[in-house]
Amino acid sequence: MLNTEVYEQFESWLDNLLENNDMPENTKAFNFNLYDDSSADSEERVFGIQPIAAEKFDPDDEEGEWACYEIWSSEEDIFYIDLSDEEDQSGEHAQEIYIEIIREYLESGKYAGILKAKPIGIGFVDGDLVIIKGK
């Protein structure tokens, strides 16, 4: 179930990025890079997300090499969720949460039209991508 407070924070963060950054004209797709920012020496389980625009897209590329052709990113402006208090603290669970949040944004987000105009993927930078919205 979607956490309303987390979604609203994400929505505000993404609205700000999309409102204040023009996407390059040659954008072919968007990807949401995921990062495990958990500390190895603590019990903290934190996962970040970073949107990028890519100049290539290949729906058959399960490894997501197309997402390496980045032409815009939020750089160090990364949104984080903390799963330290959750029963499931896995990267897979974090990815499921982010997919749900992004799908909600695509339904009701202020600047969803910018994203919906292109294919959208999501995944950990060292893993396979999930295509949320294809061509």
N, C-alpha and C. Protein backbone atom coordinates (compact mmCIF):
# COMPACT_ATOMS: atom_id res chain seq x y z
N MET A 1 0.83 -1.18 0.00
CA MET A 1 0.00 0.00 0.00
C MET A 1 0.88 1.25 0.00
N LEU A 2 0.51 2.20 -0.79
CA LEU A 2 1.27 3.42 -0.96
C LEU A 2 1.24 4.28 0.30
N ASN A 3 2.42 4.64 0.80
CA ASN A 3 2.54 5.52 1.96
C ASN A 3 2.33 6.94 1.47
N THR A 4 1.24 7.57 1.89
CA THR A 4 0.87 8.90 1.42
C THR A 4 1.94 9.94 1.73
N GLU A 5 2.51 9.90 2.91
CA GLU A 5 3.52 10.89 3.29
C GLU A 5 4.76 10.77 2.40
N VAL A 6 5.22 9.55 2.18
CA VAL A 6 6.39 9.34 1.32
C VAL A 6 6.06 9.77 -0.11
N TYR A 7 4.87 9.41 -0.59
CA TYR A 7 4.50 9.80 -1.94
C TYR A 7 4.49 11.33 -2.09
N GLU A 8 3.91 12.02 -1.14
CA GLU A 8 3.83 13.48 -1.22
C GLU A 8 5.22 14.12 -1.22
N GLN A 9 6.14 13.57 -0.45
CA GLN A 9 7.51 14.07 -0.45
C GLN A 9 8.17 13.81 -1.81
N PHE A 10 7.96 12.61 -2.34
CA PHE A 10 8.50 12.27 -3.66
C PHE A 10 7.91 13.17 -4.73
N GLU A 11 6.60 13.35 -4.68
CA GLU A 11 5.90 14.18 -5.67
C GLU A 11 6.46 15.61 -5.66
N SER A 12 6.65 16.18 -4.50
CA SER A 12 7.18 17.53 -4.38
C SER A 12 8.60 17.60 -4.95
N TRP A 13 9.41 16.60 -4.62
CA TRP A 13 10.78 16.54 -5.11
C TRP A 13 10.82 16.43 -6.64
N LEU A 14 10.02 15.51 -7.21
CA LEU A 14 10.02 15.31 -8.66
C LEU A 14 9.39 16.51 -9.38
N ASP A 15 8.33 17.08 -8.82
CA ASP A 15 7.74 18.30 -9.40
C ASP A 15 8.81 19.38 -9.53
N ASN A 16 9.58 19.58 -8.49
CA ASN A 16 10.62 20.60 -8.49
C ASN A 16 11.66 20.33 -9.60
N LEU A 17 12.07 19.08 -9.73
CA LEU A 17 13.05 18.74 -10.77
C LEU A 17 12.49 18.98 -12.17
N LEU A 18 11.27 18.54 -12.40
CA LEU A 18 10.68 18.64 -13.74
C LEU A 18 10.30 20.08 -14.08
N GLU A 19 9.95 20.86 -13.08
CA GLU A 19 9.58 22.25 -13.31
C GLU A 19 10.80 23.12 -13.61
N ASN A 20 11.92 22.79 -13.01
CA ASN A 20 13.09 23.65 -13.09
C ASN A 20 14.19 23.15 -14.01
N ASN A 21 13.92 22.10 -14.77
CA ASN A 21 14.91 21.56 -15.70
C ASN A 21 14.22 21.23 -17.02
N ASP A 22 14.75 21.78 -18.11
CA ASP A 22 14.25 21.43 -19.43
C ASP A 22 14.91 20.12 -19.86
N MET A 23 14.11 19.18 -20.30
CA MET A 23 14.66 17.92 -20.77
C MET A 23 15.22 18.13 -22.18
N PRO A 24 16.37 17.52 -22.47
CA PRO A 24 16.95 17.65 -23.80
C PRO A 24 15.99 17.17 -24.89
N GLU A 25 16.02 17.85 -26.03
CA GLU A 25 15.12 17.50 -27.13
C GLU A 25 15.34 16.09 -27.64
N ASN A 26 16.56 15.59 -27.54
CA ASN A 26 16.86 14.25 -28.05
C ASN A 26 16.63 13.15 -27.01
N THR A 27 15.86 13.43 -25.97
CA THR A 27 15.51 12.42 -24.98
C THR A 27 14.66 11.34 -25.62
N LYS A 28 15.10 10.09 -25.51
CA LYS A 28 14.35 8.95 -26.05
C LYS A 28 13.63 8.18 -24.96
N ALA A 29 14.12 8.29 -23.71
CA ALA A 29 13.53 7.55 -22.60
C ALA A 29 14.00 8.15 -21.28
N PHE A 30 13.29 7.79 -20.23
CA PHE A 30 13.69 8.17 -18.87
C PHE A 30 13.97 6.89 -18.10
N ASN A 31 14.91 6.99 -17.18
CA ASN A 31 15.16 5.87 -16.28
C ASN A 31 15.31 6.42 -14.87
N PHE A 32 14.88 5.64 -13.92
CA PHE A 32 15.06 5.98 -12.51
C PHE A 32 16.11 5.03 -11.96
N ASN A 33 17.32 5.56 -11.74
CA ASN A 33 18.41 4.78 -11.17
C ASN A 33 18.16 4.59 -9.68
N LEU A 34 18.35 3.38 -9.21
CA LEU A 34 18.20 3.08 -7.79
C LEU A 34 19.57 2.79 -7.18
N TYR A 35 19.74 3.21 -5.93
CA TYR A 35 20.99 3.03 -5.20
C TYR A 35 20.69 2.50 -3.81
N ASP A 36 21.48 1.54 -3.38
CA ASP A 36 21.43 1.08 -1.99
C ASP A 36 22.44 1.91 -1.22
N ASP A 37 21.96 2.85 -0.45
CA ASP A 37 22.84 3.73 0.32
C ASP A 37 22.89 3.31 1.79
N SER A 38 22.61 2.05 2.03
CA SER A 38 22.65 1.54 3.40
C SER A 38 24.09 1.51 3.89
N SER A 39 24.24 1.81 5.15
CA SER A 39 25.56 1.80 5.77
C SER A 39 25.92 0.37 6.17
N ALA A 40 27.11 -0.05 5.80
CA ALA A 40 27.54 -1.41 6.10
C ALA A 40 27.74 -1.64 7.61
N ASP A 41 28.03 -0.57 8.34
CA ASP A 41 28.30 -0.71 9.77
C ASP A 41 27.13 -0.29 10.66
N SER A 42 25.93 -0.22 10.07
CA SER A 42 24.75 0.07 10.89
C SER A 42 23.58 -0.74 10.36
N GLU A 43 22.47 -0.66 11.05
CA GLU A 43 21.27 -1.39 10.63
C GLU A 43 20.38 -0.55 9.74
N GLU A 44 20.85 0.62 9.36
CA GLU A 44 20.07 1.52 8.51
C GLU A 44 19.95 0.93 7.10
N ARG A 45 18.72 0.95 6.55
CA ARG A 45 18.45 0.44 5.19
C ARG A 45 17.82 1.58 4.39
N VAL A 46 18.66 2.27 3.60
CA VAL A 46 18.24 3.45 2.86
C VAL A 46 18.48 3.23 1.38
N PHE A 47 17.47 3.59 0.57
CA PHE A 47 17.55 3.43 -0.88
C PHE A 47 17.23 4.76 -1.56
N GLY A 48 18.08 5.13 -2.51
CA GLY A 48 17.90 6.38 -3.23
C GLY A 48 17.44 6.15 -4.65
N ILE A 49 16.85 7.21 -5.22
CA ILE A 49 16.38 7.17 -6.60
C ILE A 49 16.80 8.46 -7.30
N GLN A 50 17.23 8.32 -8.55
CA GLN A 50 17.73 9.45 -9.34
C GLN A 50 17.19 9.33 -10.76
N PRO A 51 16.40 10.32 -11.20
CA PRO A 51 15.92 10.28 -12.59
C PRO A 51 17.00 10.70 -13.57
N ILE A 52 17.00 10.05 -14.73
CA ILE A 52 17.89 10.44 -15.82
C ILE A 52 17.09 10.44 -17.12
N ALA A 53 17.57 11.21 -18.07
CA ALA A 53 17.05 11.17 -19.44
C ALA A 53 18.13 10.51 -20.28
N ALA A 54 17.73 9.62 -21.19
CA ALA A 54 18.68 8.90 -22.03
C ALA A 54 18.43 9.22 -23.50
N GLU A 55 19.50 9.23 -24.27
CA GLU A 55 19.38 9.53 -25.69
C GLU A 55 19.15 8.28 -26.53
N LYS A 56 19.07 7.11 -25.87
CA LYS A 56 18.79 5.85 -26.56
C LYS A 56 17.73 5.09 -25.77
N PHE A 57 17.04 4.19 -26.46
CA PHE A 57 16.10 3.29 -25.79
C PHE A 57 15.98 2.02 -26.60
N ASP A 58 16.07 0.88 -25.93
CA ASP A 58 15.90 -0.42 -26.55
C ASP A 58 15.02 -1.26 -25.63
N PRO A 59 13.75 -1.47 -25.99
CA PRO A 59 12.84 -2.22 -25.12
C PRO A 59 13.25 -3.68 -24.91
N ASP A 60 14.10 -4.21 -25.78
CA ASP A 60 14.53 -5.60 -25.66
C ASP A 60 15.82 -5.76 -24.87
N ASP A 61 16.41 -4.66 -24.44
CA ASP A 61 17.67 -4.68 -23.70
C ASP A 61 17.37 -4.83 -22.21
N GLU A 62 17.32 -6.09 -21.73
CA GLU A 62 16.98 -6.35 -20.33
C GLU A 62 18.05 -5.88 -19.35
N GLU A 63 19.27 -5.75 -19.84
CA GLU A 63 20.34 -5.27 -18.96
C GLU A 63 20.33 -3.76 -18.84
N GLY A 64 19.59 -3.09 -19.72
CA GLY A 64 19.43 -1.64 -19.61
C GLY A 64 20.62 -0.82 -20.06
N GLU A 65 21.38 -1.33 -21.01
CA GLU A 65 22.53 -0.57 -21.51
C GLU A 65 22.11 0.79 -22.06
N TRP A 66 20.89 0.89 -22.58
CA TRP A 66 20.40 2.16 -23.13
C TRP A 66 20.42 3.26 -22.08
N ALA A 67 20.21 2.90 -20.83
CA ALA A 67 20.17 3.89 -19.76
C ALA A 67 21.55 4.48 -19.45
N CYS A 68 22.59 3.89 -20.01
CA CYS A 68 23.95 4.43 -19.83
C CYS A 68 24.19 5.64 -20.72
N TYR A 69 23.30 5.86 -21.68
CA TYR A 69 23.44 6.99 -22.60
C TYR A 69 22.71 8.20 -22.03
N GLU A 70 23.15 8.60 -20.86
CA GLU A 70 22.54 9.67 -20.08
C GLU A 70 22.87 11.03 -20.68
N ILE A 71 21.82 11.84 -20.86
CA ILE A 71 22.03 13.21 -21.35
C ILE A 71 21.54 14.25 -20.34
N TRP A 72 20.87 13.79 -19.30
CA TRP A 72 20.45 14.65 -18.20
C TRP A 72 20.25 13.77 -16.98
N SER A 73 20.55 14.29 -15.82
CA SER A 73 20.23 13.60 -14.57
C SER A 73 20.01 14.62 -13.47
N SER A 74 19.43 14.17 -12.39
CA SER A 74 19.26 15.05 -11.23
C SER A 74 20.56 15.17 -10.44
N GLU A 75 21.60 14.50 -10.91
CA GLU A 75 22.93 14.50 -10.31
C GLU A 75 22.86 14.13 -8.83
N GLU A 76 23.29 15.01 -7.95
CA GLU A 76 23.33 14.69 -6.52
C GLU A 76 21.98 14.92 -5.83
N ASP A 77 20.99 15.39 -6.56
CA ASP A 77 19.65 15.60 -6.00
C ASP A 77 18.90 14.27 -6.08
N ILE A 78 19.06 13.48 -5.03
CA ILE A 78 18.53 12.12 -4.97
C ILE A 78 17.48 12.05 -3.86
N PHE A 79 16.39 11.33 -4.14
CA PHE A 79 15.34 11.13 -3.14
C PHE A 79 15.62 9.80 -2.43
N TYR A 80 15.40 9.77 -1.11
CA TYR A 80 15.69 8.58 -0.32
C TYR A 80 14.46 8.09 0.43
N ILE A 81 14.37 6.77 0.52
CA ILE A 81 13.41 6.16 1.45
C ILE A 81 14.20 5.30 2.43
N ASP A 82 13.72 5.27 3.65
CA ASP A 82 14.37 4.51 4.72
C ASP A 82 13.48 3.32 5.04
N LEU A 83 14.01 2.12 4.82
CA LEU A 83 13.26 0.90 5.09
C LEU A 83 13.70 0.23 6.39
N SER A 84 14.43 0.95 7.22
CA SER A 84 14.98 0.38 8.45
C SER A 84 13.91 -0.19 9.36
N ASP A 85 12.72 0.39 9.36
CA ASP A 85 11.64 -0.08 10.23
C ASP A 85 10.72 -1.07 9.55
N GLU A 86 11.01 -1.43 8.31
CA GLU A 86 10.15 -2.35 7.56
C GLU A 86 10.59 -3.79 7.78
N GLU A 87 9.64 -4.71 7.68
CA GLU A 87 9.97 -6.12 7.79
C GLU A 87 10.84 -6.55 6.61
N ASP A 88 10.46 -6.15 5.41
CA ASP A 88 11.22 -6.45 4.20
C ASP A 88 12.11 -5.25 3.88
N GLN A 89 13.39 -5.41 4.03
CA GLN A 89 14.35 -4.32 3.82
C GLN A 89 15.20 -4.56 2.57
N SER A 90 14.73 -5.40 1.68
CA SER A 90 15.51 -5.78 0.51
C SER A 90 15.46 -4.71 -0.59
N GLY A 91 16.43 -4.78 -1.47
CA GLY A 91 16.45 -3.91 -2.63
C GLY A 91 15.25 -4.15 -3.52
N GLU A 92 14.81 -5.39 -3.61
CA GLU A 92 13.63 -5.71 -4.43
C GLU A 92 12.40 -5.02 -3.89
N HIS A 93 12.27 -4.99 -2.56
CA HIS A 93 11.13 -4.31 -1.94
C HIS A 93 11.21 -2.81 -2.19
N ALA A 94 12.41 -2.25 -2.06
CA ALA A 94 12.59 -0.82 -2.34
C ALA A 94 12.18 -0.51 -3.78
N GLN A 95 12.58 -1.38 -4.71
CA GLN A 95 12.22 -1.17 -6.11
C GLN A 95 10.71 -1.24 -6.30
N GLU A 96 10.05 -2.18 -5.64
CA GLU A 96 8.58 -2.28 -5.73
C GLU A 96 7.91 -1.02 -5.21
N ILE A 97 8.42 -0.48 -4.11
CA ILE A 97 7.86 0.75 -3.54
C ILE A 97 8.02 1.89 -4.54
N TYR A 98 9.21 2.02 -5.10
CA TYR A 98 9.44 3.10 -6.05
C TYR A 98 8.60 2.94 -7.32
N ILE A 99 8.42 1.72 -7.78
CA ILE A 99 7.56 1.50 -8.96
C ILE A 99 6.14 1.97 -8.66
N GLU A 100 5.65 1.63 -7.48
CA GLU A 100 4.30 2.05 -7.09
C GLU A 100 4.20 3.57 -7.01
N ILE A 101 5.22 4.20 -6.46
CA ILE A 101 5.24 5.66 -6.35
C ILE A 101 5.27 6.31 -7.73
N ILE A 102 6.11 5.80 -8.62
CA ILE A 102 6.21 6.36 -9.96
C ILE A 102 4.91 6.16 -10.74
N ARG A 103 4.30 5.00 -10.61
CA ARG A 103 3.03 4.77 -11.29
C ARG A 103 1.96 5.74 -10.79
N GLU A 104 1.95 6.01 -9.51
CA GLU A 104 1.00 6.99 -8.97
C GLU A 104 1.30 8.37 -9.54
N TYR A 105 2.59 8.72 -9.62
CA TYR A 105 2.95 10.01 -10.18
C TYR A 105 2.50 10.10 -11.64
N LEU A 106 2.65 9.04 -12.39
CA LEU A 106 2.23 9.05 -13.79
C LEU A 106 0.72 9.22 -13.93
N GLU A 107 -0.02 8.81 -12.92
CA GLU A 107 -1.48 8.96 -12.92
C GLU A 107 -1.92 10.36 -12.51
N SER A 108 -1.22 10.94 -11.54
CA SER A 108 -1.74 12.19 -10.96
C SER A 108 -0.71 13.31 -10.78
N GLY A 109 0.53 13.08 -11.12
CA GLY A 109 1.57 14.08 -10.91
C GLY A 109 1.42 15.29 -11.81
N LYS A 110 1.79 16.43 -11.29
CA LYS A 110 1.64 17.71 -12.00
C LYS A 110 2.36 17.71 -13.34
N TYR A 111 3.54 17.12 -13.41
CA TYR A 111 4.33 17.11 -14.64
C TYR A 111 4.45 15.71 -15.24
N ALA A 112 3.47 14.87 -14.97
CA ALA A 112 3.48 13.50 -15.48
C ALA A 112 3.58 13.45 -17.00
N GLY A 113 3.02 14.44 -17.68
CA GLY A 113 3.04 14.46 -19.14
C GLY A 113 4.45 14.46 -19.71
N ILE A 114 5.38 15.09 -19.02
CA ILE A 114 6.77 15.11 -19.47
C ILE A 114 7.31 13.68 -19.50
N LEU A 115 7.06 12.93 -18.44
CA LEU A 115 7.56 11.56 -18.35
C LEU A 115 6.79 10.61 -19.26
N LYS A 116 5.47 10.75 -19.30
CA LYS A 116 4.63 9.82 -20.07
C LYS A 116 4.86 9.91 -21.57
N ALA A 117 5.52 10.97 -22.02
CA ALA A 117 5.79 11.13 -23.45
C ALA A 117 6.87 10.16 -23.94
N LYS A 118 7.56 9.51 -23.03
CA LYS A 118 8.68 8.62 -23.38
C LYS A 118 8.59 7.31 -22.59
N PRO A 119 9.30 6.28 -23.05
CA PRO A 119 9.39 5.05 -22.25
C PRO A 119 10.09 5.34 -20.92
N ILE A 120 9.77 4.54 -19.91
CA ILE A 120 10.32 4.75 -18.58
C ILE A 120 10.78 3.42 -18.00
N GLY A 121 12.01 3.42 -17.50
CA GLY A 121 12.56 2.25 -16.83
C GLY A 121 12.95 2.57 -15.41
N ILE A 122 13.23 1.52 -14.65
CA ILE A 122 13.71 1.68 -13.28
C ILE A 122 14.58 0.49 -12.94
N GLY A 123 15.63 0.74 -12.16
CA GLY A 123 16.46 -0.37 -11.72
C GLY A 123 17.72 0.09 -11.03
N PHE A 124 18.33 -0.85 -10.32
CA PHE A 124 19.60 -0.57 -9.68
C PHE A 124 20.67 -0.44 -10.75
N VAL A 125 21.61 0.47 -10.53
CA VAL A 125 22.61 0.77 -11.55
C VAL A 125 23.46 -0.45 -11.91
N ASP A 126 23.54 -1.43 -11.04
CA ASP A 126 24.31 -2.62 -11.33
C ASP A 126 23.43 -3.84 -11.59
N GLY A 127 22.15 -3.59 -11.93
CA GLY A 127 21.22 -4.70 -12.16
C GLY A 127 20.37 -4.49 -13.41
N ASP A 128 19.43 -5.39 -13.59
CA ASP A 128 18.52 -5.30 -14.72
C ASP A 128 17.48 -4.21 -14.49
N LEU A 129 16.93 -3.71 -15.59
CA LEU A 129 15.89 -2.69 -15.52
C LEU A 129 14.52 -3.31 -15.69
N VAL A 130 13.53 -2.67 -15.10
CA VAL A 130 12.13 -3.00 -15.32
C VAL A 130 11.56 -1.85 -16.13
N ILE A 131 10.88 -2.17 -17.22
CA ILE A 131 10.24 -1.13 -18.03
C ILE A 131 8.86 -0.89 -17.43
N ILE A 132 8.65 0.31 -16.91
CA ILE A 132 7.37 0.69 -16.31
C ILE A 132 6.40 1.08 -17.40
N LYS A 133 6.91 1.80 -18.39
CA LYS A 133 6.08 2.25 -19.50
C LYS A 133 6.91 2.14 -20.76
N GLY A 134 6.44 1.31 -21.69
CA GLY A 134 7.15 1.15 -22.97
C GLY A 134 6.65 2.14 -23.99
N LYS A 135 7.00 1.90 -25.25
CA LYS A 135 6.59 2.80 -26.32
C LYS A 135 5.10 2.77 -26.49
